[in-house]
Amino acid sequence: MTTFPSPPSPSSSSSIPSPRSSMFYYAGSEDHSEEPHFLQACFLCRKPLGQNRDIFMYRGNTPFCSKECRQEQIEIDESKEKSWKLSSKRGVRQSETNQNSTPNKAVRTGTVAVA
């Protein structure tokens, strides 16, 4: 008859690291040169977020500490978009006027008689 070793007793298992404690060890020993988690600070004023306070989100994943910070960013984005749209319209108008006023057009002037 074959005998198998008995499972370790609870007192002896404390000397063997559990997989959970290893995960926490590795998670804690990571290099912290990575960017912080996106919900750690306000996007505009960089004030720390959390501590059971509300987080105000904008455009999916942009966090803000207050409605005021979020509104300021909305206004900044709207003004950028407005100026971008105006500049793109100017570019289209300039190309249209350049095409309409090309010096290569031949214009005939004179009198036409119809019988």
PDB file of N, CA and C in Angstrom:
ATOM      1  N   MET A   1       0.828  -1.164   0.000  1.00  0.00           N
ATOM      2  CA  MET A   1       0.000   0.000   0.000  1.00  0.00           C
ATOM      3  C   MET A   1       0.885   1.244   0.000  1.00  0.00           C
ATOM      4  N   THR A   2       0.495   2.261  -0.819  1.00  0.00           N
ATOM      5  CA  THR A   2       1.275   3.479  -0.952  1.00  0.00           C
ATOM      6  C   THR A   2       0.753   4.513   0.020  1.00  0.00           C
ATOM      7  N   THR A   3       1.650   5.222   0.655  1.00  0.00           N
ATOM      8  CA  THR A   3       1.235   6.285   1.575  1.00  0.00           C
ATOM      9  C   THR A   3       1.615   7.637   0.979  1.00  0.00           C
ATOM     10  N   PHE A   4       0.765   8.597   1.199  1.00  0.00           N
ATOM     11  CA  PHE A   4       1.006   9.949   0.706  1.00  0.00           C
ATOM     12  C   PHE A   4       1.328  10.842   1.884  1.00  0.00           C
ATOM     13  N   PRO A   5       2.113  11.880   1.651  1.00  0.00           N
ATOM     14  CA  PRO A   5       2.427  12.781   2.765  1.00  0.00           C
ATOM     15  C   PRO A   5       1.167  13.521   3.207  1.00  0.00           C
ATOM     16  N   SER A   6       1.081  13.762   4.481  1.00  0.00           N
ATOM     17  CA  SER A   6      -0.088  14.464   5.014  1.00  0.00           C
ATOM     18  C   SER A   6       0.036  15.955   4.700  1.00  0.00           C
ATOM     19  N   PRO A   7      -1.095  16.646   4.580  1.00  0.00           N
ATOM     20  CA  PRO A   7      -1.037  18.086   4.301  1.00  0.00           C
ATOM     21  C   PRO A   7      -0.378  18.810   5.459  1.00  0.00           C
ATOM     22  N   PRO A   8       0.269  19.920   5.170  1.00  0.00           N
ATOM     23  CA  PRO A   8       0.959  20.648   6.237  1.00  0.00           C
ATOM     24  C   PRO A   8      -0.043  21.193   7.245  1.00  0.00           C
ATOM     25  N   SER A   9       0.387  21.257   8.471  1.00  0.00           N
ATOM     26  CA  SER A   9      -0.481  21.794   9.521  1.00  0.00           C
ATOM     27  C   SER A   9      -0.523  23.314   9.392  1.00  0.00           C
ATOM     28  N   PRO A  10      -1.549  23.958   9.954  1.00  0.00           N
ATOM     29  CA  PRO A  10      -1.658  25.417   9.843  1.00  0.00           C
ATOM     30  C   PRO A  10      -0.441  26.147  10.377  1.00  0.00           C
ATOM     31  N   SER A  11       0.191  25.621  11.404  1.00  0.00           N
ATOM     32  CA  SER A  11       1.357  26.314  11.958  1.00  0.00           C
ATOM     33  C   SER A  11       2.531  26.276  10.996  1.00  0.00           C
ATOM     34  N   SER A  12       2.679  25.188  10.220  1.00  0.00           N
ATOM     35  CA  SER A  12       3.808  25.106   9.300  1.00  0.00           C
ATOM     36  C   SER A  12       3.538  25.871   8.009  1.00  0.00           C
ATOM     37  N   SER A  13       2.278  26.151   7.685  1.00  0.00           N
ATOM     38  CA  SER A  13       1.977  26.856   6.439  1.00  0.00           C
ATOM     39  C   SER A  13       2.336  28.333   6.520  1.00  0.00           C
ATOM     40  N   SER A  14       2.535  28.860   7.722  1.00  0.00           N
ATOM     41  CA  SER A  14       2.874  30.273   7.834  1.00  0.00           C
ATOM     42  C   SER A  14       4.277  30.555   7.315  1.00  0.00           C
ATOM     43  N   SER A  15       5.134  29.550   7.263  1.00  0.00           N
ATOM     44  CA  SER A  15       6.478  29.769   6.741  1.00  0.00           C
ATOM     45  C   SER A  15       6.499  29.747   5.219  1.00  0.00           C
ATOM     46  N   ILE A  16       5.449  29.228   4.607  1.00  0.00           N
ATOM     47  CA  ILE A  16       5.366  29.185   3.152  1.00  0.00           C
ATOM     48  C   ILE A  16       4.517  30.368   2.700  1.00  0.00           C
ATOM     49  N   PRO A  17       5.057  31.220   1.832  1.00  0.00           N
ATOM     50  CA  PRO A  17       4.256  32.368   1.405  1.00  0.00           C
ATOM     51  C   PRO A  17       3.074  31.916   0.553  1.00  0.00           C
ATOM     52  N   SER A  18       1.939  32.490   0.824  1.00  0.00           N
ATOM     53  CA  SER A  18       0.759  32.151   0.035  1.00  0.00           C
ATOM     54  C   SER A  18       0.792  32.934  -1.275  1.00  0.00           C
ATOM     55  N   PRO A  19       0.079  32.466  -2.283  1.00  0.00           N
ATOM     56  CA  PRO A  19       0.048  33.212  -3.546  1.00  0.00           C
ATOM     57  C   PRO A  19      -0.476  34.632  -3.361  1.00  0.00           C
ATOM     58  N   ARG A  20      -1.414  34.811  -2.433  1.00  0.00           N
ATOM     59  CA  ARG A  20      -1.943  36.158  -2.209  1.00  0.00           C
ATOM     60  C   ARG A  20      -0.874  37.094  -1.675  1.00  0.00           C
ATOM     61  N   SER A  21      -0.117  36.647  -0.688  1.00  0.00           N
ATOM     62  CA  SER A  21       0.901  37.533  -0.137  1.00  0.00           C
ATOM     63  C   SER A  21       1.948  37.851  -1.192  1.00  0.00           C
ATOM     64  N   SER A  22       2.219  36.918  -2.092  1.00  0.00           N
ATOM     65  CA  SER A  22       3.166  37.175  -3.170  1.00  0.00           C
ATOM     66  C   SER A  22       2.620  38.235  -4.113  1.00  0.00           C
ATOM     67  N   MET A  23       1.317  38.180  -4.397  1.00  0.00           N
ATOM     68  CA  MET A  23       0.729  39.180  -5.287  1.00  0.00           C
ATOM     69  C   MET A  23       0.849  40.562  -4.670  1.00  0.00           C
ATOM     70  N   PHE A  24       0.591  40.674  -3.382  1.00  0.00           N
ATOM     71  CA  PHE A  24       0.693  41.975  -2.750  1.00  0.00           C
ATOM     72  C   PHE A  24       2.143  42.440  -2.719  1.00  0.00           C
ATOM     73  N   TYR A  25       3.055  41.531  -2.530  1.00  0.00           N
ATOM     74  CA  TYR A  25       4.462  41.891  -2.522  1.00  0.00           C
ATOM     75  C   TYR A  25       4.864  42.438  -3.884  1.00  0.00           C
ATOM     76  N   TYR A  26       4.521  41.738  -4.947  1.00  0.00           N
ATOM     77  CA  TYR A  26       4.900  42.179  -6.282  1.00  0.00           C
ATOM     78  C   TYR A  26       4.193  43.471  -6.659  1.00  0.00           C
ATOM     79  N   ALA A  27       2.937  43.602  -6.265  1.00  0.00           N
ATOM     80  CA  ALA A  27       2.206  44.823  -6.588  1.00  0.00           C
ATOM     81  C   ALA A  27       2.823  46.015  -5.865  1.00  0.00           C
ATOM     82  N   GLY A  28       3.325  45.801  -4.674  1.00  0.00           N
ATOM     83  CA  GLY A  28       3.903  46.895  -3.913  1.00  0.00           C
ATOM     84  C   GLY A  28       5.318  47.232  -4.315  1.00  0.00           C
ATOM     85  N   SER A  29       5.992  46.337  -5.001  1.00  0.00           N
ATOM     86  CA  SER A  29       7.385  46.587  -5.337  1.00  0.00           C
ATOM     87  C   SER A  29       7.564  47.040  -6.777  1.00  0.00           C
ATOM     88  N   GLU A  30       6.482  47.419  -7.431  1.00  0.00           N
ATOM     89  CA  GLU A  30       6.594  47.865  -8.816  1.00  0.00           C
ATOM     90  C   GLU A  30       7.304  49.206  -8.882  1.00  0.00           C
ATOM     91  N   ASP A  31       7.847  49.476 -10.038  1.00  0.00           N
ATOM     92  CA  ASP A  31       8.469  50.767 -10.278  1.00  0.00           C
ATOM     93  C   ASP A  31       7.370  51.817 -10.391  1.00  0.00           C
ATOM     94  N   HIS A  32       7.474  52.887  -9.632  1.00  0.00           N
ATOM     95  CA  HIS A  32       6.418  53.892  -9.616  1.00  0.00           C
ATOM     96  C   HIS A  32       6.703  55.032 -10.591  1.00  0.00           C
ATOM     97  N   SER A  33       7.487  54.781 -11.628  1.00  0.00           N
ATOM     98  CA  SER A  33       7.760  55.823 -12.605  1.00  0.00           C
ATOM     99  C   SER A  33       6.650  55.933 -13.639  1.00  0.00           C
ATOM    100  N   GLU A  34       5.647  55.061 -13.573  1.00  0.00           N
ATOM    101  CA  GLU A  34       4.532  55.131 -14.498  1.00  0.00           C
ATOM    102  C   GLU A  34       3.668  56.338 -14.160  1.00  0.00           C
ATOM    103  N   GLU A  35       2.819  56.712 -15.110  1.00  0.00           N
ATOM    104  CA  GLU A  35       1.895  57.809 -14.864  1.00  0.00           C
ATOM    105  C   GLU A  35       0.914  57.413 -13.773  1.00  0.00           C
ATOM    106  N   PRO A  36       0.474  58.373 -12.961  1.00  0.00           N
ATOM    107  CA  PRO A  36      -0.503  58.045 -11.919  1.00  0.00           C
ATOM    108  C   PRO A  36      -1.840  57.668 -12.550  1.00  0.00           C
ATOM    109  N   HIS A  37      -2.641  56.975 -11.807  1.00  0.00           N
ATOM    110  CA  HIS A  37      -3.968  56.581 -12.278  1.00  0.00           C
ATOM    111  C   HIS A  37      -4.753  57.839 -12.623  1.00  0.00           C
ATOM    112  N   PHE A  38      -5.541  57.792 -13.685  1.00  0.00           N
ATOM    113  CA  PHE A  38      -6.198  59.003 -14.170  1.00  0.00           C
ATOM    114  C   PHE A  38      -7.220  59.578 -13.199  1.00  0.00           C
ATOM    115  N   LEU A  39      -7.666  58.824 -12.207  1.00  0.00           N
ATOM    116  CA  LEU A  39      -8.629  59.342 -11.235  1.00  0.00           C
ATOM    117  C   LEU A  39      -7.960  59.842  -9.956  1.00  0.00           C
ATOM    118  N   GLN A  40      -6.662  60.043  -9.958  1.00  0.00           N
ATOM    119  CA  GLN A  40      -5.977  60.496  -8.754  1.00  0.00           C
ATOM    120  C   GLN A  40      -5.977  62.007  -8.593  1.00  0.00           C
ATOM    121  N   ALA A  41      -6.077  62.757  -9.698  1.00  0.00           N
ATOM    122  CA  ALA A  41      -5.997  64.212  -9.595  1.00  0.00           C
ATOM    123  C   ALA A  41      -6.909  64.874 -10.619  1.00  0.00           C
ATOM    124  N   CYS A  42      -7.339  66.077 -10.287  1.00  0.00           N
ATOM    125  CA  CYS A  42      -8.172  66.877 -11.186  1.00  0.00           C
ATOM    126  C   CYS A  42      -7.367  67.185 -12.449  1.00  0.00           C
ATOM    127  N   PHE A  43      -7.980  67.045 -13.600  1.00  0.00           N
ATOM    128  CA  PHE A  43      -7.305  67.272 -14.876  1.00  0.00           C
ATOM    129  C   PHE A  43      -6.851  68.719 -15.019  1.00  0.00           C
ATOM    130  N   LEU A  44      -7.616  69.661 -14.460  1.00  0.00           N
ATOM    131  CA  LEU A  44      -7.321  71.076 -14.650  1.00  0.00           C
ATOM    132  C   LEU A  44      -6.401  71.637 -13.569  1.00  0.00           C
ATOM    133  N   CYS A  45      -6.779  71.480 -12.301  1.00  0.00           N
ATOM    134  CA  CYS A  45      -6.011  72.106 -11.215  1.00  0.00           C
ATOM    135  C   CYS A  45      -5.065  71.132 -10.508  1.00  0.00           C
ATOM    136  N   ARG A  46      -5.118  69.858 -10.863  1.00  0.00           N
ATOM    137  CA  ARG A  46      -4.254  68.802 -10.301  1.00  0.00           C
ATOM    138  C   ARG A  46      -4.485  68.550  -8.814  1.00  0.00           C
ATOM    139  N   LYS A  47      -5.621  69.014  -8.275  1.00  0.00           N
ATOM    140  CA  LYS A  47      -5.947  68.749  -6.872  1.00  0.00           C
ATOM    141  C   LYS A  47      -6.232  67.256  -6.717  1.00  0.00           C
ATOM    142  N   PRO A  48      -5.751  66.612  -5.646  1.00  0.00           N
ATOM    143  CA  PRO A  48      -6.003  65.176  -5.455  1.00  0.00           C
ATOM    144  C   PRO A  48      -7.496  64.870  -5.374  1.00  0.00           C
ATOM    145  N   LEU A  49      -7.886  63.776  -5.983  1.00  0.00           N
ATOM    146  CA  LEU A  49      -9.283  63.337  -5.956  1.00  0.00           C
ATOM    147  C   LEU A  49      -9.434  62.192  -4.972  1.00  0.00           C
ATOM    148  N   GLY A  50     -10.649  61.889  -4.611  1.00  0.00           N
ATOM    149  CA  GLY A  50     -10.905  60.764  -3.721  1.00  0.00           C
ATOM    150  C   GLY A  50     -11.380  61.236  -2.370  1.00  0.00           C
ATOM    151  N   GLN A  51     -11.003  60.525  -1.324  1.00  0.00           N
ATOM    152  CA  GLN A  51     -11.416  60.804   0.050  1.00  0.00           C
ATOM    153  C   GLN A  51     -12.934  60.951   0.136  1.00  0.00           C
ATOM    154  N   ASN A  52     -13.650  60.081  -0.557  1.00  0.00           N
ATOM    155  CA  ASN A  52     -15.117  60.052  -0.529  1.00  0.00           C
ATOM    156  C   ASN A  52     -15.756  61.336  -1.052  1.00  0.00           C
ATOM    157  N   ARG A  53     -15.072  62.046  -1.931  1.00  0.00           N
ATOM    158  CA  ARG A  53     -15.649  63.240  -2.545  1.00  0.00           C
ATOM    159  C   ARG A  53     -16.102  62.905  -3.958  1.00  0.00           C
ATOM    160  N   ASP A  54     -17.017  63.719  -4.479  1.00  0.00           N
ATOM    161  CA  ASP A  54     -17.515  63.506  -5.834  1.00  0.00           C
ATOM    162  C   ASP A  54     -16.416  63.777  -6.851  1.00  0.00           C
ATOM    163  N   ILE A  55     -16.478  63.054  -7.950  1.00  0.00           N
ATOM    164  CA  ILE A  55     -15.585  63.269  -9.080  1.00  0.00           C
ATOM    165  C   ILE A  55     -16.476  63.614 -10.265  1.00  0.00           C
ATOM    166  N   PHE A  56     -16.191  64.716 -10.917  1.00  0.00           N
ATOM    167  CA  PHE A  56     -16.994  65.183 -12.042  1.00  0.00           C
ATOM    168  C   PHE A  56     -16.264  64.829 -13.334  1.00  0.00           C
ATOM    169  N   MET A  57     -16.899  64.000 -14.153  1.00  0.00           N
ATOM    170  CA  MET A  57     -16.265  63.494 -15.370  1.00  0.00           C
ATOM    171  C   MET A  57     -16.690  64.325 -16.582  1.00  0.00           C
ATOM    172  N   TYR A  58     -15.820  64.349 -17.583  1.00  0.00           N
ATOM    173  CA  TYR A  58     -16.082  65.079 -18.824  1.00  0.00           C
ATOM    174  C   TYR A  58     -15.452  64.310 -19.971  1.00  0.00           C
ATOM    175  N   ARG A  59     -16.193  64.167 -21.046  1.00  0.00           N
ATOM    176  CA  ARG A  59     -15.742  63.471 -22.255  1.00  0.00           C
ATOM    177  C   ARG A  59     -15.182  62.087 -21.958  1.00  0.00           C
ATOM    178  N   GLY A  60     -15.920  61.331 -21.211  1.00  0.00           N
ATOM    179  CA  GLY A  60     -15.562  59.937 -20.975  1.00  0.00           C
ATOM    180  C   GLY A  60     -14.667  59.708 -19.786  1.00  0.00           C
ATOM    181  N   ASN A  61     -13.386  60.056 -19.889  1.00  0.00           N
ATOM    182  CA  ASN A  61     -12.460  59.681 -18.824  1.00  0.00           C
ATOM    183  C   ASN A  61     -11.605  60.845 -18.331  1.00  0.00           C
ATOM    184  N   THR A  62     -12.149  62.046 -18.326  1.00  0.00           N
ATOM    185  CA  THR A  62     -11.407  63.189 -17.824  1.00  0.00           C
ATOM    186  C   THR A  62     -12.023  63.629 -16.493  1.00  0.00           C
ATOM    187  N   PRO A  63     -11.302  63.437 -15.371  1.00  0.00           N
ATOM    188  CA  PRO A  63     -11.867  63.736 -14.046  1.00  0.00           C
ATOM    189  C   PRO A  63     -11.590  65.173 -13.595  1.00  0.00           C
ATOM    190  N   PHE A  64     -12.545  65.722 -12.846  1.00  0.00           N
ATOM    191  CA  PHE A  64     -12.406  67.057 -12.276  1.00  0.00           C
ATOM    192  C   PHE A  64     -12.865  67.033 -10.828  1.00  0.00           C
ATOM    193  N   CYS A  65     -12.303  67.934 -10.018  1.00  0.00           N
ATOM    194  CA  CYS A  65     -12.626  67.976  -8.592  1.00  0.00           C
ATOM    195  C   CYS A  65     -13.924  68.722  -8.323  1.00  0.00           C
ATOM    196  N   SER A  66     -14.349  69.574  -9.249  1.00  0.00           N
ATOM    197  CA  SER A  66     -15.553  70.377  -9.021  1.00  0.00           C
ATOM    198  C   SER A  66     -16.254  70.667 -10.343  1.00  0.00           C
ATOM    199  N   LYS A  67     -17.490  71.120 -10.221  1.00  0.00           N
ATOM    200  CA  LYS A  67     -18.237  71.521 -11.415  1.00  0.00           C
ATOM    201  C   LYS A  67     -17.561  72.721 -12.075  1.00  0.00           C
ATOM    202  N   GLU A  68     -16.959  73.580 -11.270  1.00  0.00           N
ATOM    203  CA  GLU A  68     -16.315  74.774 -11.800  1.00  0.00           C
ATOM    204  C   GLU A  68     -15.109  74.415 -12.666  1.00  0.00           C
ATOM    205  N   CYS A  69     -14.278  73.488 -12.191  1.00  0.00           N
ATOM    206  CA  CYS A  69     -13.123  73.055 -12.987  1.00  0.00           C
ATOM    207  C   CYS A  69     -13.590  72.402 -14.288  1.00  0.00           C
ATOM    208  N   ARG A  70     -14.599  71.564 -14.182  1.00  0.00           N
ATOM    209  CA  ARG A  70     -15.121  70.902 -15.380  1.00  0.00           C
ATOM    210  C   ARG A  70     -15.669  71.939 -16.360  1.00  0.00           C
ATOM    211  N   GLN A  71     -16.427  72.918 -15.865  1.00  0.00           N
ATOM    212  CA  GLN A  71     -17.004  73.945 -16.735  1.00  0.00           C
ATOM    213  C   GLN A  71     -15.912  74.769 -17.407  1.00  0.00           C
ATOM    214  N   GLU A  72     -14.862  75.076 -16.674  1.00  0.00           N
ATOM    215  CA  GLU A  72     -13.755  75.838 -17.255  1.00  0.00           C
ATOM    216  C   GLU A  72     -13.120  75.060 -18.407  1.00  0.00           C
ATOM    217  N   GLN A  73     -12.937  73.752 -18.225  1.00  0.00           N
ATOM    218  CA  GLN A  73     -12.364  72.933 -19.292  1.00  0.00           C
ATOM    219  C   GLN A  73     -13.312  72.857 -20.489  1.00  0.00           C
ATOM    220  N   ILE A  74     -14.608  72.764 -20.225  1.00  0.00           N
ATOM    221  CA  ILE A  74     -15.594  72.742 -21.314  1.00  0.00           C
ATOM    222  C   ILE A  74     -15.484  74.030 -22.125  1.00  0.00           C
ATOM    223  N   GLU A  75     -15.384  75.173 -21.442  1.00  0.00           N
ATOM    224  CA  GLU A  75     -15.272  76.452 -22.136  1.00  0.00           C
ATOM    225  C   GLU A  75     -13.965  76.557 -22.917  1.00  0.00           C
ATOM    226  N   ILE A  76     -12.876  76.049 -22.354  1.00  0.00           N
ATOM    227  CA  ILE A  76     -11.593  76.040 -23.063  1.00  0.00           C
ATOM    228  C   ILE A  76     -11.715  75.211 -24.336  1.00  0.00           C
ATOM    229  N   ASP A  77     -12.292  74.021 -24.217  1.00  0.00           N
ATOM    230  CA  ASP A  77     -12.448  73.145 -25.381  1.00  0.00           C
ATOM    231  C   ASP A  77     -13.351  73.765 -26.438  1.00  0.00           C
ATOM    232  N   GLU A  78     -14.452  74.400 -25.997  1.00  0.00           N
ATOM    233  CA  GLU A  78     -15.368  75.027 -26.950  1.00  0.00           C
ATOM    234  C   GLU A  78     -14.689  76.168 -27.697  1.00  0.00           C
ATOM    235  N   SER A  79     -13.886  76.972 -27.000  1.00  0.00           N
ATOM    236  CA  SER A  79     -13.200  78.070 -27.680  1.00  0.00           C
ATOM    237  C   SER A  79     -12.155  77.543 -28.660  1.00  0.00           C
ATOM    238  N   LYS A  80     -11.468  76.459 -28.302  1.00  0.00           N
ATOM    239  CA  LYS A  80     -10.507  75.846 -29.227  1.00  0.00           C
ATOM    240  C   LYS A  80     -11.219  75.319 -30.467  1.00  0.00           C
ATOM    241  N   GLU A  81     -12.350  74.636 -30.252  1.00  0.00           N
ATOM    242  CA  GLU A  81     -13.101  74.092 -31.378  1.00  0.00           C
ATOM    243  C   GLU A  81     -13.631  75.208 -32.265  1.00  0.00           C
ATOM    244  N   LYS A  82     -14.103  76.294 -31.656  1.00  0.00           N
ATOM    245  CA  LYS A  82     -14.639  77.412 -32.423  1.00  0.00           C
ATOM    246  C   LYS A  82     -13.537  78.053 -33.264  1.00  0.00           C
ATOM    247  N   SER A  83     -12.380  78.286 -32.666  1.00  0.00           N
ATOM    248  CA  SER A  83     -11.284  78.893 -33.423  1.00  0.00           C
ATOM    249  C   SER A  83     -10.775  77.946 -34.507  1.00  0.00           C
ATOM    250  N   TRP A  84     -10.783  76.645 -34.231  1.00  0.00           N
ATOM    251  CA  TRP A  84     -10.366  75.666 -35.235  1.00  0.00           C
ATOM    252  C   TRP A  84     -11.330  75.678 -36.415  1.00  0.00           C
ATOM    253  N   LYS A  85     -12.643  75.722 -36.115  1.00  0.00           N
ATOM    254  CA  LYS A  85     -13.645  75.747 -37.185  1.00  0.00           C
ATOM    255  C   LYS A  85     -13.525  77.025 -38.005  1.00  0.00           C
ATOM    256  N   LEU A  86     -13.303  78.165 -37.335  1.00  0.00           N
ATOM    257  CA  LEU A  86     -13.151  79.419 -38.057  1.00  0.00           C
ATOM    258  C   LEU A  86     -11.919  79.394 -38.951  1.00  0.00           C
ATOM    259  N   SER A  87     -10.818  78.876 -38.435  1.00  0.00           N
ATOM    260  CA  SER A  87      -9.599  78.836 -39.244  1.00  0.00           C
ATOM    261  C   SER A  87      -9.749  77.875 -40.419  1.00  0.00           C
ATOM    262  N   SER A  88     -10.465  76.784 -40.231  1.00  0.00           N
ATOM    263  CA  SER A  88     -10.662  75.860 -41.353  1.00  0.00           C
ATOM    264  C   SER A  88     -11.602  76.473 -42.386  1.00  0.00           C
ATOM    265  N   LYS A  89     -12.601  77.262 -41.943  1.00  0.00           N
ATOM    266  CA  LYS A  89     -13.481  77.956 -42.892  1.00  0.00           C
ATOM    267  C   LYS A  89     -12.696  78.994 -43.675  1.00  0.00           C
ATOM    268  N   ARG A  90     -11.792  79.714 -43.008  1.00  0.00           N
ATOM    269  CA  ARG A  90     -10.964  80.709 -43.693  1.00  0.00           C
ATOM    270  C   ARG A  90     -10.102  80.042 -44.751  1.00  0.00           C
ATOM    271  N   GLY A  91      -9.551  78.901 -44.410  1.00  0.00           N
ATOM    272  CA  GLY A  91      -8.718  78.175 -45.370  1.00  0.00           C
ATOM    273  C   GLY A  91      -9.509  77.745 -46.591  1.00  0.00           C
ATOM    274  N   VAL A  92     -10.742  77.309 -46.389  1.00  0.00           N
ATOM    275  CA  VAL A  92     -11.595  76.897 -47.504  1.00  0.00           C
ATOM    276  C   VAL A  92     -11.946  78.110 -48.351  1.00  0.00           C
ATOM    277  N   ARG A  93     -12.296  79.229 -47.699  1.00  0.00           N
ATOM    278  CA  ARG A  93     -12.643  80.448 -48.444  1.00  0.00           C
ATOM    279  C   ARG A  93     -11.455  80.955 -49.251  1.00  0.00           C
ATOM    280  N   GLN A  94     -10.265  80.924 -48.666  1.00  0.00           N
ATOM    281  CA  GLN A  94      -9.082  81.395 -49.381  1.00  0.00           C
ATOM    282  C   GLN A  94      -8.810  80.532 -50.601  1.00  0.00           C
ATOM    283  N   SER A  95      -8.953  79.231 -50.472  1.00  0.00           N
ATOM    284  CA  SER A  95      -8.704  78.366 -51.624  1.00  0.00           C
ATOM    285  C   SER A  95      -9.765  78.578 -52.697  1.00  0.00           C
ATOM    286  N   GLU A  96     -11.020  78.859 -52.281  1.00  0.00           N
ATOM    287  CA  GLU A  96     -12.079  79.132 -53.258  1.00  0.00           C
ATOM    288  C   GLU A  96     -11.822  80.450 -53.978  1.00  0.00           C
ATOM    289  N   THR A  97     -11.413  81.495 -53.248  1.00  0.00           N
ATOM    290  CA  THR A  97     -11.155  82.783 -53.897  1.00  0.00           C
ATOM    291  C   THR A  97      -9.925  82.695 -54.779  1.00  0.00           C
ATOM    292  N   ASN A  98      -8.949  81.920 -54.399  1.00  0.00           N
ATOM    293  CA  ASN A  98      -7.770  81.737 -55.244  1.00  0.00           C
ATOM    294  C   ASN A  98      -8.143  81.029 -56.537  1.00  0.00           C
ATOM    295  N   GLN A  99      -9.048  80.074 -56.465  1.00  0.00           N
ATOM    296  CA  GLN A  99      -9.480  79.362 -57.661  1.00  0.00           C
ATOM    297  C   GLN A  99     -10.328  80.265 -58.547  1.00  0.00           C
ATOM    298  N   ASN A 100     -11.156  81.125 -57.954  1.00  0.00           N
ATOM    299  CA  ASN A 100     -12.034  82.005 -58.723  1.00  0.00           C
ATOM    300  C   ASN A 100     -11.280  83.165 -59.358  1.00  0.00           C
ATOM    301  N   SER A 101     -10.195  83.594 -58.798  1.00  0.00           N
ATOM    302  CA  SER A 101      -9.474  84.756 -59.318  1.00  0.00           C
ATOM    303  C   SER A 101      -8.153  84.364 -59.966  1.00  0.00           C
ATOM    304  N   THR A 102      -8.133  83.260 -60.644  1.00  0.00           N
ATOM    305  CA  THR A 102      -6.899  82.841 -61.304  1.00  0.00           C
ATOM    306  C   THR A 102      -6.640  83.739 -62.503  1.00  0.00           C
ATOM    307  N   PRO A 103      -5.409  84.154 -62.737  1.00  0.00           N
ATOM    308  CA  PRO A 103      -5.090  85.061 -63.839  1.00  0.00           C
ATOM    309  C   PRO A 103      -5.102  84.363 -65.205  1.00  0.00           C
ATOM    310  N   ASN A 104      -5.313  83.097 -65.284  1.00  0.00           N
ATOM    311  CA  ASN A 104      -5.267  82.367 -66.542  1.00  0.00           C
ATOM    312  C   ASN A 104      -6.588  82.393 -67.298  1.00  0.00           C
ATOM    313  N   LYS A 105      -7.568  83.106 -66.817  1.00  0.00           N
ATOM    314  CA  LYS A 105      -8.859  83.146 -67.499  1.00  0.00           C
ATOM    315  C   LYS A 105      -8.778  84.074 -68.714  1.00  0.00           C
ATOM    316  N   ALA A 106      -9.378  83.630 -69.801  1.00  0.00           N
ATOM    317  CA  ALA A 106      -9.451  84.459 -71.006  1.00  0.00           C
ATOM    318  C   ALA A 106     -10.858  85.024 -71.103  1.00  0.00           C
ATOM    319  N   VAL A 107     -10.939  86.323 -71.232  1.00  0.00           N
ATOM    320  CA  VAL A 107     -12.239  86.971 -71.309  1.00  0.00           C
ATOM    321  C   VAL A 107     -12.319  87.714 -72.646  1.00  0.00           C
ATOM    322  N   ARG A 108     -13.391  87.463 -73.407  1.00  0.00           N
ATOM    323  CA  ARG A 108     -13.593  88.153 -74.683  1.00  0.00           C
ATOM    324  C   ARG A 108     -14.552  89.315 -74.463  1.00  0.00           C
ATOM    325  N   THR A 109     -14.170  90.396 -74.974  1.00  0.00           N
ATOM    326  CA  THR A 109     -15.065  91.546 -74.925  1.00  0.00           C
ATOM    327  C   THR A 109     -15.374  91.961 -76.356  1.00  0.00           C
ATOM    328  N   GLY A 110     -16.539  92.432 -76.571  1.00  0.00           N
ATOM    329  CA  GLY A 110     -16.914  92.868 -77.925  1.00  0.00           C
ATOM    330  C   GLY A 110     -18.416  92.890 -78.078  1.00  0.00           C
ATOM    331  N   THR A 111     -18.847  93.157 -79.294  1.00  0.00           N
ATOM    332  CA  THR A 111     -20.268  93.250 -79.587  1.00  0.00           C
ATOM    333  C   THR A 111     -20.685  92.047 -80.399  1.00  0.00           C
ATOM    334  N   VAL A 112     -21.837  91.529 -80.063  1.00  0.00           N
ATOM    335  CA  VAL A 112     -22.360  90.385 -80.781  1.00  0.00           C
ATOM    336  C   VAL A 112     -23.626  90.858 -81.496  1.00  0.00           C
ATOM    337  N   ALA A 113     -23.714  90.557 -82.786  1.00  0.00           N
ATOM    338  CA  ALA A 113     -24.907  90.939 -83.550  1.00  0.00           C
ATOM    339  C   ALA A 113     -25.725  89.700 -83.810  1.00  0.00           C
ATOM    340  N   VAL A 114     -26.994  89.788 -83.520  1.00  0.00           N
ATOM    341  CA  VAL A 114     -27.881  88.658 -83.733  1.00  0.00           C
ATOM    342  C   VAL A 114     -28.861  89.054 -84.841  1.00  0.00           C
ATOM    343  N   ALA A 115     -29.022  88.217 -85.859  1.00  0.00           N
ATOM    344  CA  ALA A 115     -29.902  88.557 -86.972  1.00  0.00           C
ATOM    345  C   ALA A 115     -31.222  87.860 -86.890  1.00  0.00           C
TER     346      ALA A 115
END
